[in-house]
């Protein structure tokens, strides 16, 4: 793990942000469990996104 972080430390910060964002969306799209937990936590926090996203059809079942 240390080698991974050492390698990534040489990357430009905007690139690291883009990679992190892409990985976050990938987790959202591929993991129904993550998506459910995220939406539940967002609802508890009172975020409007949770109300909009809660209307999406639940493809996970």
Protein backbone atom coordinates (compact mmCIF):
# COMPACT_ATOMS: atom_id res chain seq x y z
CA UNK A 1 0.00 0.00 0.00
CA UNK A 2 2.89 2.33 0.76
CA UNK A 3 4.24 1.87 -2.77
CA UNK A 4 0.85 2.70 -4.24
CA UNK A 5 0.69 5.98 -2.34
CA UNK A 6 4.27 6.80 -3.21
CA UNK A 7 3.51 6.27 -6.89
CA UNK A 8 0.33 8.35 -6.72
CA UNK A 9 2.10 11.18 -4.90
CA UNK A 10 3.80 12.14 -8.16
CA UNK A 11 0.51 12.57 -10.02
CA UNK A 12 -0.97 16.07 -10.46
CA UNK A 13 -3.74 16.86 -7.99
CA UNK A 14 -6.42 17.54 -10.65
CA UNK A 15 -5.74 14.09 -12.11
CA UNK A 16 -6.09 12.47 -8.68
CA UNK A 17 -9.40 14.30 -8.18
CA UNK A 18 -10.66 13.06 -11.55
CA UNK A 19 -9.63 9.47 -10.82
CA UNK A 20 -11.27 9.65 -7.39
CA UNK A 21 -14.48 11.01 -8.88
CA UNK A 22 -14.56 8.31 -11.54
CA UNK A 23 -14.00 5.59 -8.94
CA UNK A 24 -16.78 7.04 -6.80
CA UNK A 25 -19.26 6.95 -9.68
CA UNK A 26 -18.13 3.45 -10.56
CA UNK A 27 -18.85 2.31 -6.99
CA UNK A 28 -22.26 4.02 -7.16
CA UNK A 29 -23.17 2.32 -10.43
CA UNK A 30 -21.85 -1.16 -9.66
CA UNK A 31 -22.83 -1.59 -6.01
CA UNK A 32 -26.53 -1.61 -5.12
CA UNK A 33 -25.64 -1.95 -1.43
CA UNK A 34 -23.47 1.19 -1.53
CA UNK A 35 -26.22 3.04 -3.39
CA UNK A 36 -28.89 2.08 -0.83
CA UNK A 37 -26.70 3.06 2.11
CA UNK A 38 -25.73 6.34 0.48
CA UNK A 39 -29.34 7.27 -0.21
CA UNK A 40 -30.42 6.31 3.31
CA UNK A 41 -27.67 8.45 4.83
CA UNK A 42 -28.44 11.34 2.49
CA UNK A 43 -32.12 11.21 3.49
CA UNK A 44 -31.15 11.28 7.17
CA UNK A 45 -28.96 14.30 6.49
CA UNK A 46 -31.87 16.07 4.79
CA UNK A 47 -30.21 16.37 1.40
CA UNK A 48 -32.48 17.08 -1.54
CA UNK A 49 -30.51 14.68 -3.75
CA UNK A 50 -31.90 11.81 -1.70
CA UNK A 51 -35.47 12.82 -2.54
CA UNK A 52 -34.71 12.99 -6.27
CA UNK A 53 -32.58 9.86 -6.36
CA UNK A 54 -35.10 7.97 -4.23
CA UNK A 55 -37.53 8.15 -7.13
CA UNK A 56 -35.22 6.24 -9.43
CA UNK A 57 -36.33 2.70 -10.17
CA UNK A 58 -34.51 0.27 -7.91
CA UNK A 59 -32.78 -2.01 -10.41
CA UNK A 60 -31.18 -4.00 -7.61
CA UNK A 61 -34.51 -5.44 -6.49
